[in-house]
Amino acid sequence: MGSPRVSTTSTTQTRGQAAAFLRRVLTIPSAEADHFTDENDSVFEDDINSIAEEGISIGCNPPDNAHFCPDDLLTRGQAAAFIRRALLP
């Protein structure tokens, strides 16, 4: 069972949802610029651009990194990269 507020390993999350979570947990201010070309219709657009300005996300289509892929499921590796960039200088 467990609490409904606790994430489990069977929970999936999109990259956009992860951006919103990180922005709120880290209290990151609104973005000054639009960093990606594929998130303009996303409800998470400001969250995505905010974490990009902080260097937490660099995009999902290297080497250009012009896309964020907000509706893609977040992989374990991507989550680890976001957390590392968020917590380490």
PDB file of N, CA and C in Angstrom:
ATOM      1  N   MET A   1       0.829  -1.179   0.000  1.00  0.00           N
ATOM      2  CA  MET A   1       0.000   0.000   0.000  1.00  0.00           C
ATOM      3  C   MET A   1       0.873   1.241   0.000  1.00  0.00           C
ATOM      4  N   GLY A   2       0.976   1.953   1.084  1.00  0.00           N
ATOM      5  CA  GLY A   2       1.806   3.149   1.125  1.00  0.00           C
ATOM      6  C   GLY A   2       1.003   4.411   0.902  1.00  0.00           C
ATOM      7  N   SER A   3       1.667   5.493   1.108  1.00  0.00           N
ATOM      8  CA  SER A   3       1.047   6.805   0.977  1.00  0.00           C
ATOM      9  C   SER A   3       0.869   7.182  -0.488  1.00  0.00           C
ATOM     10  N   PRO A   4      -0.231   7.848  -0.846  1.00  0.00           N
ATOM     11  CA  PRO A   4      -0.405   8.285  -2.228  1.00  0.00           C
ATOM     12  C   PRO A   4       0.558   9.403  -2.613  1.00  0.00           C
ATOM     13  N   ARG A   5       1.229   9.984  -1.648  1.00  0.00           N
ATOM     14  CA  ARG A   5       2.171  11.067  -1.916  1.00  0.00           C
ATOM     15  C   ARG A   5       3.590  10.567  -2.144  1.00  0.00           C
ATOM     16  N   VAL A   6       3.814   9.308  -2.012  1.00  0.00           N
ATOM     17  CA  VAL A   6       5.150   8.742  -2.147  1.00  0.00           C
ATOM     18  C   VAL A   6       5.292   8.106  -3.523  1.00  0.00           C
ATOM     19  N   SER A   7       6.331   8.483  -4.239  1.00  0.00           N
ATOM     20  CA  SER A   7       6.588   7.906  -5.554  1.00  0.00           C
ATOM     21  C   SER A   7       7.143   6.496  -5.393  1.00  0.00           C
ATOM     22  N   THR A   8       6.795   5.632  -6.327  1.00  0.00           N
ATOM     23  CA  THR A   8       7.313   4.270  -6.310  1.00  0.00           C
ATOM     24  C   THR A   8       8.060   4.003  -7.601  1.00  0.00           C
ATOM     25  N   THR A   9       8.741   2.893  -7.656  1.00  0.00           N
ATOM     26  CA  THR A   9       9.501   2.556  -8.855  1.00  0.00           C
ATOM     27  C   THR A   9       8.596   2.250 -10.042  1.00  0.00           C
ATOM     28  N   SER A  10       7.316   1.975  -9.812  1.00  0.00           N
ATOM     29  CA  SER A  10       6.418   1.676 -10.920  1.00  0.00           C
ATOM     30  C   SER A  10       5.758   2.933 -11.494  1.00  0.00           C
ATOM     31  N   THR A  11       6.046   4.083 -10.931  1.00  0.00           N
ATOM     32  CA  THR A  11       5.470   5.334 -11.406  1.00  0.00           C
ATOM     33  C   THR A  11       6.264   5.858 -12.592  1.00  0.00           C
ATOM     34  N   THR A  12       5.554   6.278 -13.635  1.00  0.00           N
ATOM     35  CA  THR A  12       6.224   6.888 -14.781  1.00  0.00           C
ATOM     36  C   THR A  12       5.969   8.385 -14.754  1.00  0.00           C
ATOM     37  N   GLN A  13       6.884   9.129 -15.340  1.00  0.00           N
ATOM     38  CA  GLN A  13       6.797  10.579 -15.356  1.00  0.00           C
ATOM     39  C   GLN A  13       7.351  11.075 -16.683  1.00  0.00           C
ATOM     40  N   THR A  14       6.736  12.104 -17.230  1.00  0.00           N
ATOM     41  CA  THR A  14       7.267  12.677 -18.461  1.00  0.00           C
ATOM     42  C   THR A  14       8.382  13.663 -18.129  1.00  0.00           C
ATOM     43  N   ARG A  15       9.131  14.033 -19.153  1.00  0.00           N
ATOM     44  CA  ARG A  15      10.192  15.018 -18.969  1.00  0.00           C
ATOM     45  C   ARG A  15       9.602  16.367 -18.544  1.00  0.00           C
ATOM     46  N   GLY A  16       8.429  16.707 -19.072  1.00  0.00           N
ATOM     47  CA  GLY A  16       7.767  17.950 -18.677  1.00  0.00           C
ATOM     48  C   GLY A  16       7.357  17.938 -17.215  1.00  0.00           C
ATOM     49  N   GLN A  17       6.805  16.826 -16.746  1.00  0.00           N
ATOM     50  CA  GLN A  17       6.432  16.701 -15.340  1.00  0.00           C
ATOM     51  C   GLN A  17       7.658  16.801 -14.444  1.00  0.00           C
ATOM     52  N   ALA A  18       8.752  16.209 -14.872  1.00  0.00           N
ATOM     53  CA  ALA A  18       9.992  16.278 -14.094  1.00  0.00           C
ATOM     54  C   ALA A  18      10.485  17.718 -14.000  1.00  0.00           C
ATOM     55  N   ALA A  19      10.363  18.463 -15.095  1.00  0.00           N
ATOM     56  CA  ALA A  19      10.771  19.871 -15.087  1.00  0.00           C
ATOM     57  C   ALA A  19       9.948  20.651 -14.069  1.00  0.00           C
ATOM     58  N   ALA A  20       8.643  20.410 -14.041  1.00  0.00           N
ATOM     59  CA  ALA A  20       7.768  21.099 -13.092  1.00  0.00           C
ATOM     60  C   ALA A  20       8.134  20.742 -11.657  1.00  0.00           C
ATOM     61  N   PHE A  21       8.379  19.464 -11.408  1.00  0.00           N
ATOM     62  CA  PHE A  21       8.754  19.015 -10.066  1.00  0.00           C
ATOM     63  C   PHE A  21      10.053  19.677  -9.608  1.00  0.00           C
ATOM     64  N   LEU A  22      11.072  19.625 -10.452  1.00  0.00           N
ATOM     65  CA  LEU A  22      12.367  20.203 -10.079  1.00  0.00           C
ATOM     66  C   LEU A  22      12.270  21.707  -9.858  1.00  0.00           C
ATOM     67  N   ARG A  23      11.536  22.378 -10.713  1.00  0.00           N
ATOM     68  CA  ARG A  23      11.414  23.832 -10.564  1.00  0.00           C
ATOM     69  C   ARG A  23      10.766  24.186  -9.229  1.00  0.00           C
ATOM     70  N   ARG A  24       9.753  23.447  -8.836  1.00  0.00           N
ATOM     71  CA  ARG A  24       9.065  23.752  -7.585  1.00  0.00           C
ATOM     72  C   ARG A  24       9.898  23.368  -6.365  1.00  0.00           C
ATOM     73  N   VAL A  25      10.524  22.228  -6.412  1.00  0.00           N
ATOM     74  CA  VAL A  25      11.346  21.785  -5.282  1.00  0.00           C
ATOM     75  C   VAL A  25      12.531  22.715  -5.062  1.00  0.00           C
ATOM     76  N   LEU A  26      13.134  23.164  -6.156  1.00  0.00           N
ATOM     77  CA  LEU A  26      14.324  24.013  -6.063  1.00  0.00           C
ATOM     78  C   LEU A  26      13.985  25.506  -6.077  1.00  0.00           C
ATOM     79  N   THR A  27      12.706  25.841  -6.123  1.00  0.00           N
ATOM     80  CA  THR A  27      12.211  27.223  -6.185  1.00  0.00           C
ATOM     81  C   THR A  27      12.967  28.067  -7.217  1.00  0.00           C
ATOM     82  N   ILE A  28      12.957  27.589  -8.437  1.00  0.00           N
ATOM     83  CA  ILE A  28      13.626  28.267  -9.550  1.00  0.00           C
ATOM     84  C   ILE A  28      12.666  29.322 -10.114  1.00  0.00           C
ATOM     85  N   PRO A  29      13.135  30.541 -10.325  1.00  0.00           N
ATOM     86  CA  PRO A  29      12.264  31.600 -10.864  1.00  0.00           C
ATOM     87  C   PRO A  29      11.891  31.358 -12.329  1.00  0.00           C
ATOM     88  N   SER A  30      10.934  32.136 -12.801  1.00  0.00           N
ATOM     89  CA  SER A  30      10.498  32.037 -14.198  1.00  0.00           C
ATOM     90  C   SER A  30      11.647  32.301 -15.157  1.00  0.00           C
ATOM     91  N   ALA A  31      11.548  31.686 -16.308  1.00  0.00           N
ATOM     92  CA  ALA A  31      12.588  31.813 -17.331  1.00  0.00           C
ATOM     93  C   ALA A  31      12.539  33.181 -18.002  1.00  0.00           C
ATOM     94  N   GLU A  32      13.693  33.617 -18.459  1.00  0.00           N
ATOM     95  CA  GLU A  32      13.806  34.872 -19.207  1.00  0.00           C
ATOM     96  C   GLU A  32      13.701  34.635 -20.712  1.00  0.00           C
ATOM     97  N   ALA A  33      14.001  33.420 -21.158  1.00  0.00           N
ATOM     98  CA  ALA A  33      14.061  33.137 -22.598  1.00  0.00           C
ATOM     99  C   ALA A  33      13.403  31.795 -22.909  1.00  0.00           C
ATOM    100  N   ASP A  34      13.132  31.589 -24.186  1.00  0.00           N
ATOM    101  CA  ASP A  34      12.605  30.321 -24.679  1.00  0.00           C
ATOM    102  C   ASP A  34      13.796  29.510 -25.185  1.00  0.00           C
ATOM    103  N   HIS A  35      14.055  28.369 -24.554  1.00  0.00           N
ATOM    104  CA  HIS A  35      15.264  27.599 -24.847  1.00  0.00           C
ATOM    105  C   HIS A  35      15.073  26.460 -25.843  1.00  0.00           C
ATOM    106  N   PHE A  36      13.832  26.061 -26.098  1.00  0.00           N
ATOM    107  CA  PHE A  36      13.582  24.914 -26.965  1.00  0.00           C
ATOM    108  C   PHE A  36      12.488  25.245 -27.974  1.00  0.00           C
ATOM    109  N   THR A  37      12.417  24.458 -29.034  1.00  0.00           N
ATOM    110  CA  THR A  37      11.442  24.725 -30.095  1.00  0.00           C
ATOM    111  C   THR A  37      10.209  23.831 -30.036  1.00  0.00           C
ATOM    112  N   ASP A  38      10.199  22.835 -29.173  1.00  0.00           N
ATOM    113  CA  ASP A  38       9.099  21.865 -29.182  1.00  0.00           C
ATOM    114  C   ASP A  38       8.205  21.902 -27.949  1.00  0.00           C
ATOM    115  N   GLU A  39       8.371  22.875 -27.079  1.00  0.00           N
ATOM    116  CA  GLU A  39       7.607  22.883 -25.833  1.00  0.00           C
ATOM    117  C   GLU A  39       6.623  24.039 -25.744  1.00  0.00           C
ATOM    118  N   ASN A  40       6.459  24.800 -26.813  1.00  0.00           N
ATOM    119  CA  ASN A  40       5.630  26.007 -26.762  1.00  0.00           C
ATOM    120  C   ASN A  40       4.159  25.740 -26.461  1.00  0.00           C
ATOM    121  N   ASP A  41       3.655  24.559 -26.775  1.00  0.00           N
ATOM    122  CA  ASP A  41       2.259  24.218 -26.479  1.00  0.00           C
ATOM    123  C   ASP A  41       2.122  23.410 -25.191  1.00  0.00           C
ATOM    124  N   SER A  42       3.206  23.203 -24.489  1.00  0.00           N
ATOM    125  CA  SER A  42       3.191  22.393 -23.273  1.00  0.00           C
ATOM    126  C   SER A  42       2.761  23.225 -22.068  1.00  0.00           C
ATOM    127  N   VAL A  43       1.960  22.614 -21.210  1.00  0.00           N
ATOM    128  CA  VAL A  43       1.582  23.253 -19.956  1.00  0.00           C
ATOM    129  C   VAL A  43       2.818  23.487 -19.077  1.00  0.00           C
ATOM    130  N   PHE A  44       3.894  22.773 -19.359  1.00  0.00           N
ATOM    131  CA  PHE A  44       5.128  22.873 -18.582  1.00  0.00           C
ATOM    132  C   PHE A  44       6.165  23.807 -19.214  1.00  0.00           C
ATOM    133  N   GLU A  45       5.769  24.615 -20.189  1.00  0.00           N
ATOM    134  CA  GLU A  45       6.733  25.440 -20.929  1.00  0.00           C
ATOM    135  C   GLU A  45       7.615  26.290 -20.015  1.00  0.00           C
ATOM    136  N   ASP A  46       7.032  27.002 -19.071  1.00  0.00           N
ATOM    137  CA  ASP A  46       7.850  27.859 -18.208  1.00  0.00           C
ATOM    138  C   ASP A  46       8.763  27.032 -17.305  1.00  0.00           C
ATOM    139  N   ASP A  47       8.262  25.897 -16.829  1.00  0.00           N
ATOM    140  CA  ASP A  47       9.091  25.013 -16.001  1.00  0.00           C
ATOM    141  C   ASP A  47      10.290  24.508 -16.799  1.00  0.00           C
ATOM    142  N   ILE A  48      10.040  24.109 -18.029  1.00  0.00           N
ATOM    143  CA  ILE A  48      11.092  23.579 -18.903  1.00  0.00           C
ATOM    144  C   ILE A  48      12.157  24.634 -19.166  1.00  0.00           C
ATOM    145  N   ASN A  49      11.723  25.833 -19.532  1.00  0.00           N
ATOM    146  CA  ASN A  49      12.686  26.900 -19.809  1.00  0.00           C
ATOM    147  C   ASN A  49      13.418  27.348 -18.551  1.00  0.00           C
ATOM    148  N   SER A  50      12.742  27.285 -17.413  1.00  0.00           N
ATOM    149  CA  SER A  50      13.382  27.669 -16.153  1.00  0.00           C
ATOM    150  C   SER A  50      14.513  26.720 -15.776  1.00  0.00           C
ATOM    151  N   ILE A  51      14.280  25.400 -15.919  1.00  0.00           N
ATOM    152  CA  ILE A  51      15.365  24.483 -15.567  1.00  0.00           C
ATOM    153  C   ILE A  51      16.478  24.526 -16.607  1.00  0.00           C
ATOM    154  N   ALA A  52      16.130  24.889 -17.839  1.00  0.00           N
ATOM    155  CA  ALA A  52      17.169  25.048 -18.870  1.00  0.00           C
ATOM    156  C   ALA A  52      18.076  26.224 -18.529  1.00  0.00           C
ATOM    157  N   GLU A  53      17.496  27.331 -18.070  1.00  0.00           N
ATOM    158  CA  GLU A  53      18.307  28.496 -17.701  1.00  0.00           C
ATOM    159  C   GLU A  53      19.246  28.195 -16.544  1.00  0.00           C
ATOM    160  N   GLU A  54      18.852  27.264 -15.694  1.00  0.00           N
ATOM    161  CA  GLU A  54      19.694  26.871 -14.561  1.00  0.00           C
ATOM    162  C   GLU A  54      20.722  25.810 -14.947  1.00  0.00           C
ATOM    163  N   GLY A  55      20.686  25.352 -16.200  1.00  0.00           N
ATOM    164  CA  GLY A  55      21.632  24.346 -16.658  1.00  0.00           C
ATOM    165  C   GLY A  55      21.271  22.929 -16.261  1.00  0.00           C
ATOM    166  N   ILE A  56      20.044  22.720 -15.812  1.00  0.00           N
ATOM    167  CA  ILE A  56      19.618  21.394 -15.372  1.00  0.00           C
ATOM    168  C   ILE A  56      19.290  20.498 -16.558  1.00  0.00           C
ATOM    169  N   SER A  57      18.745  21.076 -17.613  1.00  0.00           N
ATOM    170  CA  SER A  57      18.466  20.322 -18.832  1.00  0.00           C
ATOM    171  C   SER A  57      19.150  20.989 -20.008  1.00  0.00           C
ATOM    172  N   ILE A  58      19.703  20.166 -20.872  1.00  0.00           N
ATOM    173  CA  ILE A  58      20.351  20.703 -22.064  1.00  0.00           C
ATOM    174  C   ILE A  58      19.653  20.229 -23.334  1.00  0.00           C
ATOM    175  N   GLY A  59      18.513  19.577 -23.212  1.00  0.00           N
ATOM    176  CA  GLY A  59      17.765  19.123 -24.375  1.00  0.00           C
ATOM    177  C   GLY A  59      17.825  17.626 -24.562  1.00  0.00           C
ATOM    178  N   CYS A  60      17.099  17.174 -25.614  1.00  0.00           N
ATOM    179  CA  CYS A  60      16.976  15.730 -25.827  1.00  0.00           C
ATOM    180  C   CYS A  60      17.435  15.281 -27.208  1.00  0.00           C
ATOM    181  N   ASN A  61      17.950  16.207 -28.015  1.00  0.00           N
ATOM    182  CA  ASN A  61      18.365  15.815 -29.367  1.00  0.00           C
ATOM    183  C   ASN A  61      19.784  16.299 -29.675  1.00  0.00           C
ATOM    184  N   PRO A  62      20.778  15.716 -28.996  1.00  0.00           N
ATOM    185  CA  PRO A  62      22.156  16.140 -29.242  1.00  0.00           C
ATOM    186  C   PRO A  62      22.555  15.917 -30.695  1.00  0.00           C
ATOM    187  N   PRO A  63      23.436  16.685 -31.237  1.00  0.00           N
ATOM    188  CA  PRO A  63      24.184  17.759 -30.578  1.00  0.00           C
ATOM    189  C   PRO A  63      23.459  19.098 -30.590  1.00  0.00           C
ATOM    190  N   ASP A  64      22.359  19.234 -31.350  1.00  0.00           N
ATOM    191  CA  ASP A  64      21.669  20.526 -31.431  1.00  0.00           C
ATOM    192  C   ASP A  64      20.992  20.919 -30.121  1.00  0.00           C
ATOM    193  N   ASN A  65      20.341  19.960 -29.475  1.00  0.00           N
ATOM    194  CA  ASN A  65      19.600  20.192 -28.235  1.00  0.00           C
ATOM    195  C   ASN A  65      18.600  21.333 -28.347  1.00  0.00           C
ATOM    196  N   ALA A  66      17.915  21.412 -29.489  1.00  0.00           N
ATOM    197  CA  ALA A  66      16.877  22.421 -29.693  1.00  0.00           C
ATOM    198  C   ALA A  66      15.511  21.929 -29.212  1.00  0.00           C
ATOM    199  N   HIS A  67      15.423  20.638 -28.878  1.00  0.00           N
ATOM    200  CA  HIS A  67      14.168  20.047 -28.404  1.00  0.00           C
ATOM    201  C   HIS A  67      14.314  19.604 -26.958  1.00  0.00           C
ATOM    202  N   PHE A  68      13.191  19.671 -26.230  1.00  0.00           N
ATOM    203  CA  PHE A  68      13.158  19.167 -24.859  1.00  0.00           C
ATOM    204  C   PHE A  68      12.448  17.821 -24.771  1.00  0.00           C
ATOM    205  N   CYS A  69      11.538  17.543 -25.702  1.00  0.00           N
ATOM    206  CA  CYS A  69      10.747  16.304 -25.699  1.00  0.00           C
ATOM    207  C   CYS A  69       9.896  16.195 -24.427  1.00  0.00           C
ATOM    208  N   PRO A  70       9.027  17.188 -24.165  1.00  0.00           N
ATOM    209  CA  PRO A  70       8.293  17.246 -22.905  1.00  0.00           C
ATOM    210  C   PRO A  70       7.345  16.082 -22.651  1.00  0.00           C
ATOM    211  N   ASP A  71       6.869  15.428 -23.706  1.00  0.00           N
ATOM    212  CA  ASP A  71       5.921  14.327 -23.526  1.00  0.00           C
ATOM    213  C   ASP A  71       6.583  12.957 -23.479  1.00  0.00           C
ATOM    214  N   ASP A  72       7.893  12.901 -23.692  1.00  0.00           N
ATOM    215  CA  ASP A  72       8.616  11.628 -23.588  1.00  0.00           C
ATOM    216  C   ASP A  72       8.714  11.206 -22.127  1.00  0.00           C
ATOM    217  N   LEU A  73       8.673   9.908 -21.897  1.00  0.00           N
ATOM    218  CA  LEU A  73       8.859   9.422 -20.535  1.00  0.00           C
ATOM    219  C   LEU A  73      10.292   9.682 -20.090  1.00  0.00           C
ATOM    220  N   LEU A  74      10.437  10.094 -18.866  1.00  0.00           N
ATOM    221  CA  LEU A  74      11.747  10.352 -18.275  1.00  0.00           C
ATOM    222  C   LEU A  74      12.434   9.023 -17.988  1.00  0.00           C
ATOM    223  N   THR A  75      13.641   8.859 -18.489  1.00  0.00           N
ATOM    224  CA  THR A  75      14.394   7.634 -18.205  1.00  0.00           C
ATOM    225  C   THR A  75      15.150   7.795 -16.888  1.00  0.00           C
ATOM    226  N   ARG A  76      15.598   6.702 -16.358  1.00  0.00           N
ATOM    227  CA  ARG A  76      16.380   6.741 -15.125  1.00  0.00           C
ATOM    228  C   ARG A  76      17.661   7.544 -15.328  1.00  0.00           C
ATOM    229  N   GLY A  77      18.300   7.371 -16.470  1.00  0.00           N
ATOM    230  CA  GLY A  77      19.525   8.114 -16.769  1.00  0.00           C
ATOM    231  C   GLY A  77      19.282   9.610 -16.872  1.00  0.00           C
ATOM    232  N   GLN A  78      18.170   9.995 -17.514  1.00  0.00           N
ATOM    233  CA  GLN A  78      17.840  11.418 -17.614  1.00  0.00           C
ATOM    234  C   GLN A  78      17.541  12.001 -16.240  1.00  0.00           C
ATOM    235  N   ALA A  79      16.821  11.251 -15.420  1.00  0.00           N
ATOM    236  CA  ALA A  79      16.523  11.716 -14.062  1.00  0.00           C
ATOM    237  C   ALA A  79      17.814  11.923 -13.279  1.00  0.00           C
ATOM    238  N   ALA A  80      18.738  10.988 -13.403  1.00  0.00           N
ATOM    239  CA  ALA A  80      20.020  11.114 -12.708  1.00  0.00           C
ATOM    240  C   ALA A  80      20.786  12.342 -13.195  1.00  0.00           C
ATOM    241  N   ALA A  81      20.764  12.584 -14.506  1.00  0.00           N
ATOM    242  CA  ALA A  81      21.457  13.756 -15.055  1.00  0.00           C
ATOM    243  C   ALA A  81      20.824  15.048 -14.553  1.00  0.00           C
ATOM    244  N   PHE A  82      19.500  15.125 -14.532  1.00  0.00           N
ATOM    245  CA  PHE A  82      18.813  16.317 -14.023  1.00  0.00           C
ATOM    246  C   PHE A  82      19.203  16.570 -12.566  1.00  0.00           C
ATOM    247  N   ILE A  83      19.163  15.528 -11.762  1.00  0.00           N
ATOM    248  CA  ILE A  83      19.469  15.677 -10.335  1.00  0.00           C
ATOM    249  C   ILE A  83      20.919  16.083 -10.133  1.00  0.00           C
ATOM    250  N   ARG A  84      21.822  15.468 -10.872  1.00  0.00           N
ATOM    251  CA  ARG A  84      23.239  15.823 -10.749  1.00  0.00           C
ATOM    252  C   ARG A  84      23.466  17.290 -11.100  1.00  0.00           C
ATOM    253  N   ARG A  85      22.907  17.724 -12.223  1.00  0.00           N
ATOM    254  CA  ARG A  85      23.095  19.123 -12.639  1.00  0.00           C
ATOM    255  C   ARG A  85      22.431  20.092 -11.667  1.00  0.00           C
ATOM    256  N   ALA A  86      21.335  19.675 -11.058  1.00  0.00           N
ATOM    257  CA  ALA A  86      20.626  20.538 -10.112  1.00  0.00           C
ATOM    258  C   ALA A  86      21.392  20.702  -8.803  1.00  0.00           C
ATOM    259  N   LEU A  87      22.081  19.651  -8.386  1.00  0.00           N
ATOM    260  CA  LEU A  87      22.706  19.665  -7.064  1.00  0.00           C
ATOM    261  C   LEU A  87      24.197  19.956  -7.059  1.00  0.00           C
ATOM    262  N   LEU A  88      24.855  19.740  -8.190  1.00  0.00           N
ATOM    263  CA  LEU A  88      26.299  19.968  -8.237  1.00  0.00           C
ATOM    264  C   LEU A  88      26.612  21.148  -9.142  1.00  0.00           C
ATOM    265  N   PRO A  89      27.588  21.947  -8.764  1.00  0.00           N
ATOM    266  CA  PRO A  89      27.943  23.111  -9.600  1.00  0.00           C
ATOM    267  C   PRO A  89      28.591  22.717 -10.911  1.00  0.00           C
TER     268      PRO A  89
END
